[in-house]
């Protein structure tokens, strides 16, 4: 939508975000990542005191903040604003998102949530949180393998979603590889 302030000869451009997608993403974020990276770790460590001080505390905090930033950027900018959908499987994006961090990593949100949980395990030197992180990542891997990949192939076709070709099987969410959205790497330069 474009509005023009004629009397001041100033052009004001308003970018309209998909409000329903942003609202649904906010709800999903509070319920799912909020539980996985917030409530469950808190229940696991409940009365634990911080186990780190000084530079180690700052480094663990940076890991957590980086994870939060990755999640928020990919969920709200990539999925809601660009894709017109949410991270929730019941309200997916309208287009295959291959911009931003998704250009290099297929599942940056899982990496972000993993960093949040891993940073907490570091802050509290918590073996139970580290074990929880391992199970969380294994569950995410299985979800990608058995739900996300088949769903994306069905919705967007092989020519739009072919991570298996570049990685020799199931894509490693930590492997940096370019998703080209049906174009050659030369077309992207």
C-alpha atoms as a PDB file:
ATOM      1  CA  UNK A   1       0.000   0.000   0.000  1.00  0.00           C
ATOM      2  CA  UNK A   2       1.356   3.433  -0.879  1.00  0.00           C
ATOM      3  CA  UNK A   3       0.255   6.665   0.793  1.00  0.00           C
ATOM      4  CA  UNK A   4       1.302  10.052  -0.498  1.00  0.00           C
ATOM      5  CA  UNK A   5       1.378  13.158   1.639  1.00  0.00           C
ATOM      6  CA  UNK A   6       0.472  15.581  -1.174  1.00  0.00           C
ATOM      7  CA  UNK A   7       0.400  18.742   0.920  1.00  0.00           C
ATOM      8  CA  UNK A   8       4.020  18.267   2.050  1.00  0.00           C
ATOM      9  CA  UNK A   9       5.174  16.765  -1.243  1.00  0.00           C
ATOM     10  CA  UNK A  10       6.552  13.835   0.716  1.00  0.00           C
ATOM     11  CA  UNK A  11       6.071  10.270  -0.393  1.00  0.00           C
ATOM     12  CA  UNK A  12       5.479   7.807   2.436  1.00  0.00           C
ATOM     13  CA  UNK A  13       5.653   4.118   1.635  1.00  0.00           C
ATOM     14  CA  UNK A  14       4.088   1.711   4.097  1.00  0.00           C
ATOM     15  CA  UNK A  15       5.028  -1.926   3.789  1.00  0.00           C
ATOM     16  CA  UNK A  16       2.066  -4.061   4.763  1.00  0.00           C
ATOM     17  CA  UNK A  17       3.072  -7.182   6.669  1.00  0.00           C
ATOM     18  CA  UNK A  18       0.683 -10.092   6.642  1.00  0.00           C
ATOM     19  CA  UNK A  19      -0.803  -9.398  10.087  1.00  0.00           C
ATOM     20  CA  UNK A  20      -2.581 -12.748  10.426  1.00  0.00           C
ATOM     21  CA  UNK A  21       0.696 -14.581   9.650  1.00  0.00           C
ATOM     22  CA  UNK A  22       2.588 -12.453  12.185  1.00  0.00           C
ATOM     23  CA  UNK A  23      -0.103 -13.022  14.834  1.00  0.00           C
ATOM     24  CA  UNK A  24      -0.150 -16.777  14.188  1.00  0.00           C
ATOM     25  CA  UNK A  25       3.661 -16.875  14.289  1.00  0.00           C
ATOM     26  CA  UNK A  26       3.615 -15.039  17.614  1.00  0.00           C
ATOM     27  CA  UNK A  27       1.139 -17.578  19.028  1.00  0.00           C
ATOM     28  CA  UNK A  28       3.125 -20.529  17.649  1.00  0.00           C
ATOM     29  CA  UNK A  29       6.372 -19.054  19.038  1.00  0.00           C
ATOM     30  CA  UNK A  30       4.896 -18.698  22.519  1.00  0.00           C
ATOM     31  CA  UNK A  31       3.507 -22.243  22.493  1.00  0.00           C
ATOM     32  CA  UNK A  32       6.113 -24.388  20.719  1.00  0.00           C
ATOM     33  CA  UNK A  33       9.609 -22.828  20.844  1.00  0.00           C
ATOM     34  CA  UNK A  34       8.566 -21.101  24.078  1.00  0.00           C
ATOM     35  CA  UNK A  35       7.896 -24.526  25.583  1.00  0.00           C
ATOM     36  CA  UNK A  36      10.796 -26.380  23.945  1.00  0.00           C
ATOM     37  CA  UNK A  37      13.457 -23.730  24.651  1.00  0.00           C
ATOM     38  CA  UNK A  38      11.953 -22.055  27.715  1.00  0.00           C
ATOM     39  CA  UNK A  39       9.508 -23.994  29.875  1.00  0.00           C
ATOM     40  CA  UNK A  40      10.935 -27.521  29.492  1.00  0.00           C
ATOM     41  CA  UNK A  41      14.560 -26.441  30.173  1.00  0.00           C
ATOM     42  CA  UNK A  42      13.332 -24.467  33.176  1.00  0.00           C
ATOM     43  CA  UNK A  43      11.467 -27.537  34.492  1.00  0.00           C
ATOM     44  CA  UNK A  44      14.589 -29.669  33.972  1.00  0.00           C
ATOM     45  CA  UNK A  45      16.943 -27.310  35.832  1.00  0.00           C
ATOM     46  CA  UNK A  46      14.418 -25.646  38.163  1.00  0.00           C
ATOM     47  CA  UNK A  47      16.498 -24.747  41.225  1.00  0.00           C
ATOM     48  CA  UNK A  48      19.912 -24.887  39.584  1.00  0.00           C
ATOM     49  CA  UNK A  49      22.198 -21.941  40.114  1.00  0.00           C
ATOM     50  CA  UNK A  50      24.322 -20.483  37.340  1.00  0.00           C
ATOM     51  CA  UNK A  51      27.494 -22.555  37.071  1.00  0.00           C
ATOM     52  CA  UNK A  52      29.511 -20.040  35.093  1.00  0.00           C
ATOM     53  CA  UNK A  53      30.938 -16.589  35.730  1.00  0.00           C
ATOM     54  CA  UNK A  54      32.804 -13.920  33.812  1.00  0.00           C
ATOM     55  CA  UNK A  55      33.763 -14.586  30.212  1.00  0.00           C
ATOM     56  CA  UNK A  56      32.142 -18.037  30.210  1.00  0.00           C
ATOM     57  CA  UNK A  57      28.846 -16.498  31.349  1.00  0.00           C
ATOM     58  CA  UNK A  58      29.096 -13.900  28.590  1.00  0.00           C
ATOM     59  CA  UNK A  59      29.925 -16.532  25.961  1.00  0.00           C
ATOM     60  CA  UNK A  60      26.969 -18.733  26.986  1.00  0.00           C
ATOM     61  CA  UNK A  61      24.708 -15.675  26.929  1.00  0.00           C
ATOM     62  CA  UNK A  62      25.928 -14.838  23.406  1.00  0.00           C
ATOM     63  CA  UNK A  63      25.001 -18.380  22.278  1.00  0.00           C
ATOM     64  CA  UNK A  64      21.494 -17.954  23.697  1.00  0.00           C
ATOM     65  CA  UNK A  65      21.025 -14.481  22.189  1.00  0.00           C
ATOM     66  CA  UNK A  66      22.300 -15.734  18.824  1.00  0.00           C
ATOM     67  CA  UNK A  67      19.783 -18.596  18.957  1.00  0.00           C
ATOM     68  CA  UNK A  68      16.951 -16.188  19.802  1.00  0.00           C
ATOM     69  CA  UNK A  69      17.982 -13.852  16.966  1.00  0.00           C
ATOM     70  CA  UNK A  70      18.137 -16.712  14.443  1.00  0.00           C
ATOM     71  CA  UNK A  71      14.706 -17.981  15.455  1.00  0.00           C
ATOM     72  CA  UNK A  72      13.048 -14.556  15.459  1.00  0.00           C
ATOM     73  CA  UNK A  73      14.592 -13.546  12.119  1.00  0.00           C
ATOM     74  CA  UNK A  74      13.591 -16.746  10.356  1.00  0.00           C
ATOM     75  CA  UNK A  75      10.140 -17.108  11.939  1.00  0.00           C
ATOM     76  CA  UNK A  76       8.971 -13.511  11.642  1.00  0.00           C
ATOM     77  CA  UNK A  77      10.903 -12.134   8.673  1.00  0.00           C
ATOM     78  CA  UNK A  78      11.411 -15.190   6.471  1.00  0.00           C
ATOM     79  CA  UNK A  79       8.216 -17.100   7.196  1.00  0.00           C
ATOM     80  CA  UNK A  80       5.636 -14.449   8.146  1.00  0.00           C
ATOM     81  CA  UNK A  81       6.765 -11.428   6.103  1.00  0.00           C
ATOM     82  CA  UNK A  82       8.285 -13.112   3.039  1.00  0.00           C
ATOM     83  CA  UNK A  83       6.499 -16.457   2.985  1.00  0.00           C
ATOM     84  CA  UNK A  84       3.108 -15.231   4.203  1.00  0.00           C
ATOM     85  CA  UNK A  85       2.809 -18.134   6.630  1.00  0.00           C
ATOM     86  CA  UNK A  86       4.090 -19.475   9.906  1.00  0.00           C
ATOM     87  CA  UNK A  87       6.538 -22.098  11.173  1.00  0.00           C
ATOM     88  CA  UNK A  88       3.508 -24.156  12.257  1.00  0.00           C
ATOM     89  CA  UNK A  89       2.723 -27.103   9.964  1.00  0.00           C
ATOM     90  CA  UNK A  90      -0.993 -26.229  10.121  1.00  0.00           C
ATOM     91  CA  UNK A  91      -0.358 -22.746   8.637  1.00  0.00           C
ATOM     92  CA  UNK A  92       2.660 -23.107   6.309  1.00  0.00           C
ATOM     93  CA  UNK A  93       4.172 -20.459   4.081  1.00  0.00           C
ATOM     94  CA  UNK A  94       2.543 -19.767   0.733  1.00  0.00           C
ATOM     95  CA  UNK A  95       5.893 -19.926  -1.067  1.00  0.00           C
ATOM     96  CA  UNK A  96       9.060 -21.948  -0.543  1.00  0.00           C
ATOM     97  CA  UNK A  97      11.321 -19.674   1.502  1.00  0.00           C
ATOM     98  CA  UNK A  98      14.864 -19.680   0.129  1.00  0.00           C
ATOM     99  CA  UNK A  99      15.947 -16.176   1.160  1.00  0.00           C
ATOM    100  CA  UNK A 100      17.982 -15.105   4.158  1.00  0.00           C
ATOM    101  CA  UNK A 101      19.384 -17.905   6.284  1.00  0.00           C
ATOM    102  CA  UNK A 102      17.264 -20.438   4.370  1.00  0.00           C
ATOM    103  CA  UNK A 103      19.504 -19.783   1.391  1.00  0.00           C
ATOM    104  CA  UNK A 104      22.334 -21.545   3.218  1.00  0.00           C
ATOM    105  CA  UNK A 105      20.659 -23.863   5.741  1.00  0.00           C
ATOM    106  CA  UNK A 106      17.355 -25.666   5.277  1.00  0.00           C
ATOM    107  CA  UNK A 107      16.235 -25.419   8.934  1.00  0.00           C
ATOM    108  CA  UNK A 108      17.756 -22.392  10.690  1.00  0.00           C
ATOM    109  CA  UNK A 109      14.917 -22.251  13.232  1.00  0.00           C
ATOM    110  CA  UNK A 110      15.876 -25.651  14.644  1.00  0.00           C
ATOM    111  CA  UNK A 111      19.467 -24.473  14.881  1.00  0.00           C
ATOM    112  CA  UNK A 112      18.320 -21.317  16.687  1.00  0.00           C
ATOM    113  CA  UNK A 113      16.224 -23.254  19.213  1.00  0.00           C
ATOM    114  CA  UNK A 114      19.094 -25.731  19.661  1.00  0.00           C
ATOM    115  CA  UNK A 115      21.471 -22.866  20.428  1.00  0.00           C
ATOM    116  CA  UNK A 116      19.045 -21.519  23.043  1.00  0.00           C
ATOM    117  CA  UNK A 117      18.833 -24.898  24.804  1.00  0.00           C
ATOM    118  CA  UNK A 118      22.557 -25.569  24.380  1.00  0.00           C
ATOM    119  CA  UNK A 119      23.408 -22.166  25.827  1.00  0.00           C
ATOM    120  CA  UNK A 120      21.267 -22.946  28.869  1.00  0.00           C
ATOM    121  CA  UNK A 121      22.980 -26.318  29.295  1.00  0.00           C
ATOM    122  CA  UNK A 122      26.290 -24.429  29.233  1.00  0.00           C
ATOM    123  CA  UNK A 123      25.100 -21.733  31.679  1.00  0.00           C
ATOM    124  CA  UNK A 124      24.067 -24.320  34.238  1.00  0.00           C
ATOM    125  CA  UNK A 125      26.611 -27.042  33.342  1.00  0.00           C
ATOM    126  CA  UNK A 126      23.561 -29.264  33.151  1.00  0.00           C
ATOM    127  CA  UNK A 127      23.957 -32.803  31.831  1.00  0.00           C
ATOM    128  CA  UNK A 128      20.162 -33.328  31.893  1.00  0.00           C
ATOM    129  CA  UNK A 129      19.744 -30.263  29.643  1.00  0.00           C
ATOM    130  CA  UNK A 130      22.459 -31.556  27.301  1.00  0.00           C
ATOM    131  CA  UNK A 131      20.642 -34.914  27.078  1.00  0.00           C
ATOM    132  CA  UNK A 132      17.365 -33.057  26.463  1.00  0.00           C
ATOM    133  CA  UNK A 133      19.097 -31.106  23.674  1.00  0.00           C
ATOM    134  CA  UNK A 134      20.224 -34.359  22.046  1.00  0.00           C
ATOM    135  CA  UNK A 135      16.681 -35.774  22.159  1.00  0.00           C
ATOM    136  CA  UNK A 136      15.222 -32.475  20.907  1.00  0.00           C
ATOM    137  CA  UNK A 137      17.586 -32.421  17.914  1.00  0.00           C
ATOM    138  CA  UNK A 138      16.881 -36.100  17.182  1.00  0.00           C
ATOM    139  CA  UNK A 139      13.134 -35.388  17.253  1.00  0.00           C
ATOM    140  CA  UNK A 140      13.610 -32.392  14.928  1.00  0.00           C
ATOM    141  CA  UNK A 141      15.683 -34.550  12.569  1.00  0.00           C
ATOM    142  CA  UNK A 142      12.949 -37.207  12.426  1.00  0.00           C
ATOM    143  CA  UNK A 143      10.276 -34.541  11.914  1.00  0.00           C
ATOM    144  CA  UNK A 144      12.249 -33.098   8.989  1.00  0.00           C
ATOM    145  CA  UNK A 145      12.893 -36.517   7.504  1.00  0.00           C
ATOM    146  CA  UNK A 146       9.377 -37.937   7.766  1.00  0.00           C
ATOM    147  CA  UNK A 147       7.137 -34.854   7.569  1.00  0.00           C
ATOM    148  CA  UNK A 148       8.819 -31.692   6.281  1.00  0.00           C
ATOM    149  CA  UNK A 149      10.740 -33.131   3.340  1.00  0.00           C
ATOM    150  CA  UNK A 150       7.842 -35.177   1.915  1.00  0.00           C
ATOM    151  CA  UNK A 151       5.452 -32.247   2.435  1.00  0.00           C
ATOM    152  CA  UNK A 152       7.766 -29.763   0.698  1.00  0.00           C
ATOM    153  CA  UNK A 153       8.322 -32.167  -2.206  1.00  0.00           C
ATOM    154  CA  UNK A 154       4.569 -32.625  -2.558  1.00  0.00           C
ATOM    155  CA  UNK A 155       3.788 -28.876  -2.381  1.00  0.00           C
ATOM    156  CA  UNK A 156       6.703 -27.478  -4.392  1.00  0.00           C
ATOM    157  CA  UNK A 157       8.003 -30.410  -6.442  1.00  0.00           C
ATOM    158  CA  UNK A 158      11.462 -31.918  -6.727  1.00  0.00           C
ATOM    159  CA  UNK A 159      12.766 -29.106  -8.902  1.00  0.00           C
ATOM    160  CA  UNK A 160      12.153 -26.602  -6.086  1.00  0.00           C
ATOM    161  CA  UNK A 161      13.295 -28.667  -3.135  1.00  0.00           C
ATOM    162  CA  UNK A 162      16.199 -30.994  -3.811  1.00  0.00           C
ATOM    163  CA  UNK A 163      18.470 -30.981  -0.745  1.00  0.00           C
ATOM    164  CA  UNK A 164      19.078 -34.714  -1.047  1.00  0.00           C
ATOM    165  CA  UNK A 165      20.925 -34.244  -4.348  1.00  0.00           C
ATOM    166  CA  UNK A 166      23.465 -31.861  -2.808  1.00  0.00           C
ATOM    167  CA  UNK A 167      24.054 -33.801   0.405  1.00  0.00           C
ATOM    168  CA  UNK A 168      23.907 -37.448  -0.680  1.00  0.00           C
ATOM    169  CA  UNK A 169      20.727 -38.253   1.238  1.00  0.00           C
ATOM    170  CA  UNK A 170      18.905 -36.439   4.014  1.00  0.00           C
ATOM    171  CA  UNK A 171      20.165 -32.854   4.294  1.00  0.00           C
ATOM    172  CA  UNK A 172      22.215 -32.153   7.367  1.00  0.00           C
ATOM    173  CA  UNK A 173      20.609 -29.040   8.937  1.00  0.00           C
ATOM    174  CA  UNK A 174      24.057 -27.912  10.095  1.00  0.00           C
ATOM    175  CA  UNK A 175      25.707 -28.348   6.671  1.00  0.00           C
ATOM    176  CA  UNK A 176      25.966 -25.058   4.842  1.00  0.00           C
ATOM    177  CA  UNK A 177      24.771 -25.595   1.312  1.00  0.00           C
ATOM    178  CA  UNK A 178      23.020 -23.312  -1.112  1.00  0.00           C
ATOM    179  CA  UNK A 179      19.399 -24.062  -1.882  1.00  0.00           C
ATOM    180  CA  UNK A 180      19.043 -22.665  -5.396  1.00  0.00           C
ATOM    181  CA  UNK A 181      15.259 -22.827  -5.892  1.00  0.00           C
ATOM    182  CA  UNK A 182      15.575 -24.457  -9.302  1.00  0.00           C
ATOM    183  CA  UNK A 183      18.397 -22.197 -10.530  1.00  0.00           C
ATOM    184  CA  UNK A 184      22.052 -22.877 -11.044  1.00  0.00           C
ATOM    185  CA  UNK A 185      24.565 -21.290  -8.686  1.00  0.00           C
ATOM    186  CA  UNK A 186      25.745 -19.148 -11.625  1.00  0.00           C
ATOM    187  CA  UNK A 187      22.258 -17.582 -11.886  1.00  0.00           C
ATOM    188  CA  UNK A 188      22.502 -16.420  -8.275  1.00  0.00           C
ATOM    189  CA  UNK A 189      25.723 -14.433  -8.730  1.00  0.00           C
END
